[in-house]
Amino acid sequence: MEKAQQAGYIVRARLSPIIPVQDWRNEYTELFEYLFACVQPDLVTLELLGWMDYQDLNSIFNIDLLNPAVVKSAEQAANELKNIPWGPFTEEVHEEIYRFCIETIQRISPKTPISICHGTDRVWTLLGSMMNMRPDNYLCNCGPDTAPGALLYHHWHP
């Protein structure tokens, strides 16, 4: 990213998937500090690990490497979230992790736009104002409305 930005390209950062490892707060703080020490992305998009249920999570990951509280909440909500695309983690976990990441990015780089991908209505309601975005009007890493030259893009990058 750094070389691309130095060569004049616009760079974006997409954290997909965000994986809630045991010490995820420190891990992601260090990642954001390093990212912004190297580049100034025009957007950071956040997406928590998903598209699976708890059984899949348990078979794919060594659960001992993940945050115990997050795993416990996923296990407790396993039946409720079965076949829900944004599972295996609860909306409360999404909100907690996204809020932490948004606050951390804003502390390090206050003018960098931040977006969430695959957010539920509840998560957007809780966090949209922090990002100054709405689910019907937000920058993302895909789509023609968020590319340089589009009106929405220039709202964030005049």
N, C-alpha and C. Protein backbone atom coordinates (compact mmCIF):
# COMPACT_ATOMS: atom_id res chain seq x y z
N MET A 1 0.82 -1.19 0.00
CA MET A 1 0.00 0.00 0.00
C MET A 1 0.86 1.26 0.00
N GLU A 2 1.92 1.21 0.79
CA GLU A 2 2.78 2.39 0.88
C GLU A 2 3.41 2.71 -0.47
N LYS A 3 3.93 1.70 -1.15
CA LYS A 3 4.54 1.94 -2.46
C LYS A 3 3.51 2.42 -3.47
N ALA A 4 2.32 1.86 -3.40
CA ALA A 4 1.27 2.31 -4.32
C ALA A 4 0.90 3.76 -4.06
N GLN A 5 0.77 4.13 -2.79
CA GLN A 5 0.43 5.51 -2.47
C GLN A 5 1.57 6.45 -2.87
N GLN A 6 2.80 6.05 -2.64
CA GLN A 6 3.94 6.88 -3.04
C GLN A 6 3.98 7.07 -4.55
N ALA A 7 3.47 6.10 -5.29
CA ALA A 7 3.44 6.19 -6.75
C ALA A 7 2.25 7.01 -7.24
N GLY A 8 1.42 7.50 -6.31
CA GLY A 8 0.31 8.36 -6.68
C GLY A 8 -1.05 7.70 -6.73
N TYR A 9 -1.12 6.44 -6.36
CA TYR A 9 -2.41 5.75 -6.37
C TYR A 9 -3.18 6.03 -5.08
N ILE A 10 -4.49 6.04 -5.20
CA ILE A 10 -5.36 6.12 -4.03
C ILE A 10 -5.42 4.72 -3.43
N VAL A 11 -5.26 4.64 -2.12
CA VAL A 11 -5.31 3.34 -1.46
C VAL A 11 -6.46 3.31 -0.46
N ARG A 12 -7.00 2.12 -0.29
CA ARG A 12 -8.06 1.86 0.69
C ARG A 12 -7.66 0.67 1.53
N ALA A 13 -8.18 0.65 2.74
CA ALA A 13 -7.93 -0.49 3.62
C ALA A 13 -9.26 -1.16 3.92
N ARG A 14 -9.27 -2.46 3.75
CA ARG A 14 -10.47 -3.24 4.06
C ARG A 14 -10.04 -4.35 5.01
N LEU A 15 -10.56 -4.32 6.21
CA LEU A 15 -10.28 -5.38 7.17
C LEU A 15 -11.42 -6.38 7.08
N SER A 16 -11.15 -7.44 6.35
CA SER A 16 -12.18 -8.43 6.09
C SER A 16 -11.51 -9.78 5.88
N PRO A 17 -11.60 -10.62 6.85
CA PRO A 17 -12.42 -10.48 8.05
C PRO A 17 -11.63 -9.96 9.25
N ILE A 18 -12.34 -9.28 10.11
CA ILE A 18 -11.81 -8.98 11.44
C ILE A 18 -12.05 -10.24 12.27
N ILE A 19 -11.00 -10.75 12.85
CA ILE A 19 -11.11 -11.98 13.63
C ILE A 19 -10.86 -11.63 15.10
N PRO A 20 -11.84 -11.90 15.96
CA PRO A 20 -11.70 -11.55 17.38
C PRO A 20 -10.80 -12.54 18.13
N VAL A 21 -9.50 -12.38 17.91
CA VAL A 21 -8.53 -13.22 18.62
C VAL A 21 -8.54 -12.85 20.10
N GLN A 22 -7.79 -13.62 20.90
CA GLN A 22 -7.84 -13.41 22.34
C GLN A 22 -7.59 -11.96 22.75
N ASP A 23 -6.59 -11.34 22.22
CA ASP A 23 -6.24 -9.98 22.61
C ASP A 23 -6.54 -9.01 21.47
N TRP A 24 -7.74 -9.12 20.91
CA TRP A 24 -8.07 -8.40 19.68
C TRP A 24 -7.95 -6.89 19.82
N ARG A 25 -8.24 -6.33 20.96
CA ARG A 25 -8.15 -4.87 21.10
C ARG A 25 -6.71 -4.39 20.88
N ASN A 26 -5.76 -5.03 21.53
CA ASN A 26 -4.35 -4.64 21.34
C ASN A 26 -3.88 -4.96 19.93
N GLU A 27 -4.28 -6.11 19.40
CA GLU A 27 -3.86 -6.50 18.05
C GLU A 27 -4.34 -5.48 17.01
N TYR A 28 -5.60 -5.06 17.10
CA TYR A 28 -6.12 -4.13 16.11
C TYR A 28 -5.62 -2.71 16.35
N THR A 29 -5.38 -2.34 17.60
CA THR A 29 -4.76 -1.03 17.85
C THR A 29 -3.40 -0.97 17.19
N GLU A 30 -2.58 -2.00 17.38
CA GLU A 30 -1.25 -2.03 16.75
C GLU A 30 -1.36 -2.02 15.23
N LEU A 31 -2.31 -2.75 14.69
CA LEU A 31 -2.49 -2.78 13.24
C LEU A 31 -2.84 -1.40 12.71
N PHE A 32 -3.78 -0.70 13.35
CA PHE A 32 -4.17 0.64 12.89
C PHE A 32 -3.03 1.64 13.05
N GLU A 33 -2.31 1.55 14.13
CA GLU A 33 -1.17 2.46 14.31
C GLU A 33 -0.13 2.24 13.22
N TYR A 34 0.15 1.00 12.90
CA TYR A 34 1.11 0.69 11.85
C TYR A 34 0.58 1.14 10.47
N LEU A 35 -0.68 0.83 10.20
CA LEU A 35 -1.29 1.22 8.93
C LEU A 35 -1.15 2.71 8.69
N PHE A 36 -1.55 3.53 9.67
CA PHE A 36 -1.54 4.97 9.48
C PHE A 36 -0.15 5.58 9.59
N ALA A 37 0.80 4.84 10.13
CA ALA A 37 2.18 5.31 10.10
C ALA A 37 2.76 5.15 8.69
N CYS A 38 2.19 4.23 7.91
CA CYS A 38 2.71 3.94 6.57
C CYS A 38 1.94 4.63 5.45
N VAL A 39 0.62 4.70 5.57
CA VAL A 39 -0.22 5.23 4.50
C VAL A 39 -1.38 6.02 5.06
N GLN A 40 -2.01 6.77 4.18
CA GLN A 40 -3.24 7.48 4.52
C GLN A 40 -4.32 6.99 3.57
N PRO A 41 -5.02 5.91 3.93
CA PRO A 41 -6.07 5.41 3.03
C PRO A 41 -7.22 6.39 2.91
N ASP A 42 -7.88 6.38 1.77
CA ASP A 42 -9.02 7.27 1.59
C ASP A 42 -10.27 6.71 2.24
N LEU A 43 -10.21 5.47 2.72
CA LEU A 43 -11.34 4.81 3.38
C LEU A 43 -10.84 3.58 4.11
N VAL A 44 -11.41 3.31 5.27
CA VAL A 44 -11.19 2.03 5.96
C VAL A 44 -12.56 1.37 6.10
N THR A 45 -12.67 0.16 5.59
CA THR A 45 -13.91 -0.60 5.71
C THR A 45 -13.68 -1.77 6.66
N LEU A 46 -14.66 -1.99 7.52
CA LEU A 46 -14.57 -3.03 8.55
C LEU A 46 -15.62 -4.10 8.28
N GLU A 47 -15.22 -5.35 8.38
CA GLU A 47 -16.17 -6.46 8.27
C GLU A 47 -15.73 -7.57 9.20
N LEU A 48 -16.58 -7.86 10.17
CA LEU A 48 -16.31 -8.94 11.12
C LEU A 48 -16.48 -10.29 10.43
N LEU A 49 -15.67 -11.23 10.84
CA LEU A 49 -15.79 -12.60 10.34
C LEU A 49 -17.24 -13.04 10.38
N GLY A 50 -17.71 -13.61 9.31
CA GLY A 50 -19.11 -14.03 9.24
C GLY A 50 -19.33 -15.06 8.17
N TRP A 51 -20.56 -15.10 7.71
CA TRP A 51 -20.98 -16.04 6.66
C TRP A 51 -20.83 -17.49 7.10
N MET A 52 -21.04 -17.73 8.39
CA MET A 52 -20.95 -19.10 8.92
C MET A 52 -21.75 -19.17 10.20
N ASP A 53 -21.97 -20.37 10.68
CA ASP A 53 -22.61 -20.52 11.98
C ASP A 53 -21.56 -21.00 12.99
N TYR A 54 -22.00 -21.17 14.23
CA TYR A 54 -21.06 -21.52 15.29
C TYR A 54 -20.37 -22.85 15.01
N GLN A 55 -21.10 -23.81 14.48
CA GLN A 55 -20.51 -25.12 14.17
C GLN A 55 -19.36 -24.96 13.17
N ASP A 56 -19.56 -24.13 12.14
CA ASP A 56 -18.49 -23.87 11.17
C ASP A 56 -17.29 -23.20 11.85
N LEU A 57 -17.58 -22.19 12.66
CA LEU A 57 -16.50 -21.50 13.39
C LEU A 57 -15.68 -22.49 14.19
N ASN A 58 -16.36 -23.36 14.89
CA ASN A 58 -15.71 -24.35 15.75
C ASN A 58 -14.89 -25.36 14.95
N SER A 59 -15.31 -25.65 13.72
CA SER A 59 -14.56 -26.63 12.92
C SER A 59 -13.42 -25.99 12.14
N ILE A 60 -13.52 -24.69 11.85
CA ILE A 60 -12.50 -24.01 11.05
C ILE A 60 -11.37 -23.46 11.91
N PHE A 61 -11.71 -22.94 13.09
CA PHE A 61 -10.74 -22.25 13.93
C PHE A 61 -10.39 -23.06 15.16
N ASN A 62 -9.18 -22.86 15.64
CA ASN A 62 -8.82 -23.33 16.97
C ASN A 62 -9.46 -22.33 17.92
N ILE A 63 -10.53 -22.71 18.56
CA ILE A 63 -11.32 -21.81 19.40
C ILE A 63 -10.47 -21.21 20.51
N ASP A 64 -9.43 -21.92 20.94
CA ASP A 64 -8.57 -21.40 22.01
C ASP A 64 -7.82 -20.14 21.60
N LEU A 65 -7.72 -19.86 20.30
CA LEU A 65 -7.03 -18.66 19.83
C LEU A 65 -7.95 -17.44 19.79
N LEU A 66 -9.25 -17.68 19.94
CA LEU A 66 -10.22 -16.60 19.86
C LEU A 66 -10.57 -16.08 21.25
N ASN A 67 -11.12 -14.88 21.29
CA ASN A 67 -11.50 -14.25 22.55
C ASN A 67 -12.60 -15.09 23.22
N PRO A 68 -12.37 -15.54 24.46
CA PRO A 68 -13.33 -16.44 25.13
C PRO A 68 -14.73 -15.84 25.27
N ALA A 69 -14.85 -14.56 25.58
CA ALA A 69 -16.17 -13.95 25.74
C ALA A 69 -16.93 -13.93 24.41
N VAL A 70 -16.22 -13.66 23.33
CA VAL A 70 -16.84 -13.63 22.01
C VAL A 70 -17.29 -15.04 21.62
N VAL A 71 -16.44 -16.02 21.87
CA VAL A 71 -16.78 -17.41 21.55
C VAL A 71 -17.99 -17.85 22.37
N LYS A 72 -18.00 -17.51 23.66
CA LYS A 72 -19.11 -17.91 24.53
C LYS A 72 -20.42 -17.31 24.03
N SER A 73 -20.40 -16.05 23.65
CA SER A 73 -21.64 -15.44 23.15
C SER A 73 -22.09 -16.09 21.84
N ALA A 74 -21.14 -16.44 20.99
CA ALA A 74 -21.48 -17.13 19.74
C ALA A 74 -22.08 -18.51 20.02
N GLU A 75 -21.50 -19.19 20.97
CA GLU A 75 -22.02 -20.52 21.34
C GLU A 75 -23.43 -20.40 21.91
N GLN A 76 -23.65 -19.42 22.77
CA GLN A 76 -24.98 -19.24 23.37
C GLN A 76 -26.03 -18.84 22.34
N ALA A 77 -25.62 -18.16 21.30
CA ALA A 77 -26.56 -17.70 20.28
C ALA A 77 -26.58 -18.61 19.05
N ALA A 78 -25.95 -19.77 19.14
CA ALA A 78 -25.78 -20.64 17.97
C ALA A 78 -27.11 -20.98 17.30
N ASN A 79 -28.12 -21.35 18.07
CA ASN A 79 -29.40 -21.72 17.45
C ASN A 79 -30.08 -20.50 16.85
N GLU A 80 -30.04 -19.39 17.56
CA GLU A 80 -30.66 -18.15 17.09
C GLU A 80 -30.03 -17.64 15.80
N LEU A 81 -28.72 -17.82 15.66
CA LEU A 81 -28.00 -17.28 14.50
C LEU A 81 -27.75 -18.30 13.40
N LYS A 82 -28.27 -19.50 13.55
CA LYS A 82 -28.07 -20.51 12.50
C LYS A 82 -28.67 -20.01 11.19
N ASN A 83 -27.89 -20.06 10.15
CA ASN A 83 -28.29 -19.63 8.80
C ASN A 83 -28.50 -18.12 8.68
N ILE A 84 -27.95 -17.35 9.60
CA ILE A 84 -27.96 -15.89 9.51
C ILE A 84 -26.63 -15.49 8.88
N PRO A 85 -26.63 -14.78 7.75
CA PRO A 85 -25.37 -14.51 7.05
C PRO A 85 -24.30 -13.81 7.87
N TRP A 86 -24.69 -12.92 8.79
CA TRP A 86 -23.69 -12.19 9.55
C TRP A 86 -23.24 -12.94 10.80
N GLY A 87 -23.75 -14.17 11.00
CA GLY A 87 -23.29 -14.98 12.12
C GLY A 87 -21.86 -15.42 11.89
N PRO A 88 -21.22 -15.97 12.87
CA PRO A 88 -21.73 -16.58 14.10
C PRO A 88 -21.78 -15.64 15.30
N PHE A 89 -21.39 -14.38 15.12
CA PHE A 89 -21.30 -13.47 16.26
C PHE A 89 -22.56 -12.63 16.38
N THR A 90 -22.91 -12.32 17.61
CA THR A 90 -24.13 -11.56 17.88
C THR A 90 -23.98 -10.10 17.42
N GLU A 91 -25.09 -9.43 17.33
CA GLU A 91 -25.05 -8.01 16.98
C GLU A 91 -24.31 -7.23 18.06
N GLU A 92 -24.42 -7.65 19.31
CA GLU A 92 -23.70 -6.98 20.39
C GLU A 92 -22.20 -7.07 20.18
N VAL A 93 -21.73 -8.22 19.74
CA VAL A 93 -20.29 -8.39 19.46
C VAL A 93 -19.90 -7.54 18.26
N HIS A 94 -20.71 -7.53 17.21
CA HIS A 94 -20.43 -6.67 16.06
C HIS A 94 -20.29 -5.23 16.52
N GLU A 95 -21.26 -4.77 17.28
CA GLU A 95 -21.25 -3.38 17.74
C GLU A 95 -20.01 -3.09 18.59
N GLU A 96 -19.67 -3.99 19.50
CA GLU A 96 -18.50 -3.78 20.37
C GLU A 96 -17.21 -3.68 19.56
N ILE A 97 -17.02 -4.60 18.64
CA ILE A 97 -15.78 -4.63 17.86
C ILE A 97 -15.72 -3.45 16.89
N TYR A 98 -16.81 -3.20 16.19
CA TYR A 98 -16.81 -2.07 15.26
C TYR A 98 -16.63 -0.74 16.01
N ARG A 99 -17.30 -0.58 17.13
CA ARG A 99 -17.16 0.66 17.91
C ARG A 99 -15.70 0.87 18.32
N PHE A 100 -15.07 -0.18 18.82
CA PHE A 100 -13.68 -0.07 19.22
C PHE A 100 -12.81 0.32 18.02
N CYS A 101 -13.01 -0.34 16.89
CA CYS A 101 -12.20 -0.05 15.70
C CYS A 101 -12.45 1.38 15.21
N ILE A 102 -13.70 1.80 15.18
CA ILE A 102 -14.02 3.15 14.73
C ILE A 102 -13.36 4.18 15.65
N GLU A 103 -13.51 4.00 16.95
CA GLU A 103 -12.91 4.95 17.90
C GLU A 103 -11.39 4.97 17.78
N THR A 104 -10.78 3.82 17.58
CA THR A 104 -9.32 3.75 17.45
C THR A 104 -8.86 4.46 16.19
N ILE A 105 -9.52 4.19 15.08
CA ILE A 105 -9.16 4.86 13.82
C ILE A 105 -9.36 6.36 13.95
N GLN A 106 -10.46 6.78 14.54
CA GLN A 106 -10.72 8.21 14.67
C GLN A 106 -9.71 8.89 15.58
N ARG A 107 -9.21 8.19 16.57
CA ARG A 107 -8.18 8.75 17.44
C ARG A 107 -6.88 8.94 16.66
N ILE A 108 -6.53 7.96 15.83
CA ILE A 108 -5.27 7.98 15.09
C ILE A 108 -5.36 8.89 13.86
N SER A 109 -6.46 8.80 13.14
CA SER A 109 -6.62 9.53 11.87
C SER A 109 -8.04 10.08 11.77
N PRO A 110 -8.32 11.18 12.46
CA PRO A 110 -9.69 11.68 12.60
C PRO A 110 -10.44 11.97 11.30
N LYS A 111 -9.74 12.25 10.22
CA LYS A 111 -10.43 12.62 8.98
C LYS A 111 -10.65 11.45 8.03
N THR A 112 -10.16 10.28 8.39
CA THR A 112 -10.32 9.13 7.50
C THR A 112 -11.74 8.58 7.59
N PRO A 113 -12.46 8.50 6.48
CA PRO A 113 -13.79 7.89 6.50
C PRO A 113 -13.71 6.41 6.87
N ILE A 114 -14.70 5.97 7.62
CA ILE A 114 -14.77 4.57 8.06
C ILE A 114 -16.16 4.06 7.72
N SER A 115 -16.21 2.84 7.24
CA SER A 115 -17.48 2.22 6.89
C SER A 115 -17.51 0.79 7.40
N ILE A 116 -18.71 0.27 7.54
CA ILE A 116 -18.85 -1.14 7.87
C ILE A 116 -19.50 -1.85 6.70
N CYS A 117 -19.13 -3.08 6.54
CA CYS A 117 -19.68 -3.91 5.48
C CYS A 117 -20.52 -5.00 6.14
N HIS A 118 -21.63 -5.29 5.54
CA HIS A 118 -22.47 -6.37 6.03
C HIS A 118 -23.02 -6.06 7.42
N GLY A 119 -23.30 -4.78 7.67
CA GLY A 119 -23.85 -4.39 8.96
C GLY A 119 -25.36 -4.57 9.00
N THR A 120 -25.87 -4.92 10.16
CA THR A 120 -27.31 -5.06 10.33
C THR A 120 -27.93 -3.69 10.58
N ASP A 121 -29.25 -3.61 10.48
CA ASP A 121 -29.94 -2.35 10.75
C ASP A 121 -29.61 -1.86 12.16
N ARG A 122 -29.60 -2.76 13.13
CA ARG A 122 -29.32 -2.38 14.52
C ARG A 122 -27.92 -1.81 14.66
N VAL A 123 -26.94 -2.46 14.06
CA VAL A 123 -25.55 -1.98 14.15
C VAL A 123 -25.40 -0.64 13.46
N TRP A 124 -26.04 -0.47 12.30
CA TRP A 124 -26.00 0.83 11.62
C TRP A 124 -26.65 1.91 12.47
N THR A 125 -27.76 1.59 13.13
CA THR A 125 -28.44 2.56 13.99
C THR A 125 -27.52 2.98 15.13
N LEU A 126 -26.81 2.04 15.71
CA LEU A 126 -25.93 2.34 16.84
C LEU A 126 -24.67 3.08 16.42
N LEU A 127 -24.14 2.80 15.24
CA LEU A 127 -22.81 3.29 14.87
C LEU A 127 -22.78 4.26 13.69
N GLY A 128 -23.85 4.34 12.95
CA GLY A 128 -23.85 5.18 11.75
C GLY A 128 -23.46 6.62 12.02
N SER A 129 -23.96 7.19 13.10
CA SER A 129 -23.65 8.59 13.39
C SER A 129 -22.17 8.77 13.73
N MET A 130 -21.54 7.76 14.31
CA MET A 130 -20.10 7.84 14.59
C MET A 130 -19.30 7.98 13.31
N MET A 131 -19.79 7.33 12.25
CA MET A 131 -19.09 7.33 10.97
C MET A 131 -19.61 8.42 10.04
N ASN A 132 -20.66 9.10 10.45
CA ASN A 132 -21.34 10.08 9.61
C ASN A 132 -21.83 9.45 8.31
N MET A 133 -22.31 8.22 8.42
CA MET A 133 -22.81 7.50 7.25
C MET A 133 -24.12 6.83 7.62
N ARG A 134 -24.87 6.45 6.60
CA ARG A 134 -26.12 5.72 6.77
C ARG A 134 -26.07 4.50 5.86
N PRO A 135 -26.86 3.48 6.16
CA PRO A 135 -26.81 2.28 5.32
C PRO A 135 -27.28 2.52 3.89
N ASP A 136 -27.98 3.63 3.66
CA ASP A 136 -28.41 3.94 2.29
C ASP A 136 -27.51 5.00 1.63
N ASN A 137 -26.42 5.39 2.33
CA ASN A 137 -25.55 6.42 1.79
C ASN A 137 -24.19 6.33 2.49
N TYR A 138 -23.37 5.41 2.04
CA TYR A 138 -22.07 5.22 2.67
C TYR A 138 -21.02 4.82 1.65
N LEU A 139 -19.79 5.16 1.97
CA LEU A 139 -18.67 4.71 1.15
C LEU A 139 -18.40 3.25 1.45
N CYS A 140 -17.95 2.54 0.45
CA CYS A 140 -17.52 1.16 0.66
C CYS A 140 -16.35 0.89 -0.30
N ASN A 141 -15.84 -0.28 -0.26
CA ASN A 141 -14.71 -0.61 -1.13
C ASN A 141 -15.17 -1.06 -2.51
N CYS A 142 -16.46 -1.15 -2.70
CA CYS A 142 -16.96 -1.58 -4.00
C CYS A 142 -18.08 -0.65 -4.42
N GLY A 143 -18.44 -0.72 -5.63
CA GLY A 143 -19.56 0.07 -6.11
C GLY A 143 -19.15 1.36 -6.77
N PRO A 144 -19.87 1.74 -7.82
CA PRO A 144 -19.51 2.92 -8.60
C PRO A 144 -19.71 4.24 -7.86
N ASP A 145 -20.56 4.27 -6.85
CA ASP A 145 -20.82 5.53 -6.15
C ASP A 145 -19.70 5.93 -5.20
N THR A 146 -18.75 5.05 -4.98
CA THR A 146 -17.70 5.35 -4.02
C THR A 146 -16.32 5.46 -4.66
N ALA A 147 -16.29 5.57 -5.96
CA ALA A 147 -15.03 5.73 -6.69
C ALA A 147 -14.75 7.21 -6.90
N PRO A 148 -13.48 7.58 -7.02
CA PRO A 148 -13.17 8.98 -7.34
C PRO A 148 -13.96 9.44 -8.56
N GLY A 149 -14.53 10.62 -8.46
CA GLY A 149 -15.36 11.15 -9.53
C GLY A 149 -16.85 11.07 -9.21
N ALA A 150 -17.23 10.16 -8.33
CA ALA A 150 -18.64 10.04 -7.93
C ALA A 150 -18.98 11.08 -6.87
N LEU A 151 -20.23 11.52 -6.87
CA LEU A 151 -20.65 12.56 -5.91
C LEU A 151 -20.43 12.13 -4.47
N LEU A 152 -20.78 10.91 -4.13
CA LEU A 152 -20.62 10.44 -2.76
C LEU A 152 -19.16 10.45 -2.36
N TYR A 153 -18.29 10.04 -3.24
CA TYR A 153 -16.85 10.05 -2.95
C TYR A 153 -16.39 11.48 -2.65
N HIS A 154 -16.82 12.42 -3.45
CA HIS A 154 -16.37 13.79 -3.28
C HIS A 154 -17.00 14.48 -2.07
N HIS A 155 -18.06 13.91 -1.55
CA HIS A 155 -18.59 14.40 -0.27
C HIS A 155 -17.55 14.19 0.84
N TRP A 156 -16.83 13.07 0.75
CA TRP A 156 -15.82 12.74 1.76
C TRP A 156 -14.44 13.27 1.40
N HIS A 157 -14.20 13.46 0.11
CA HIS A 157 -12.89 13.90 -0.35
C HIS A 157 -13.05 15.08 -1.31
N PRO A 158 -13.39 16.26 -0.75
CA PRO A 158 -13.64 17.42 -1.63
C PRO A 158 -12.39 17.88 -2.36
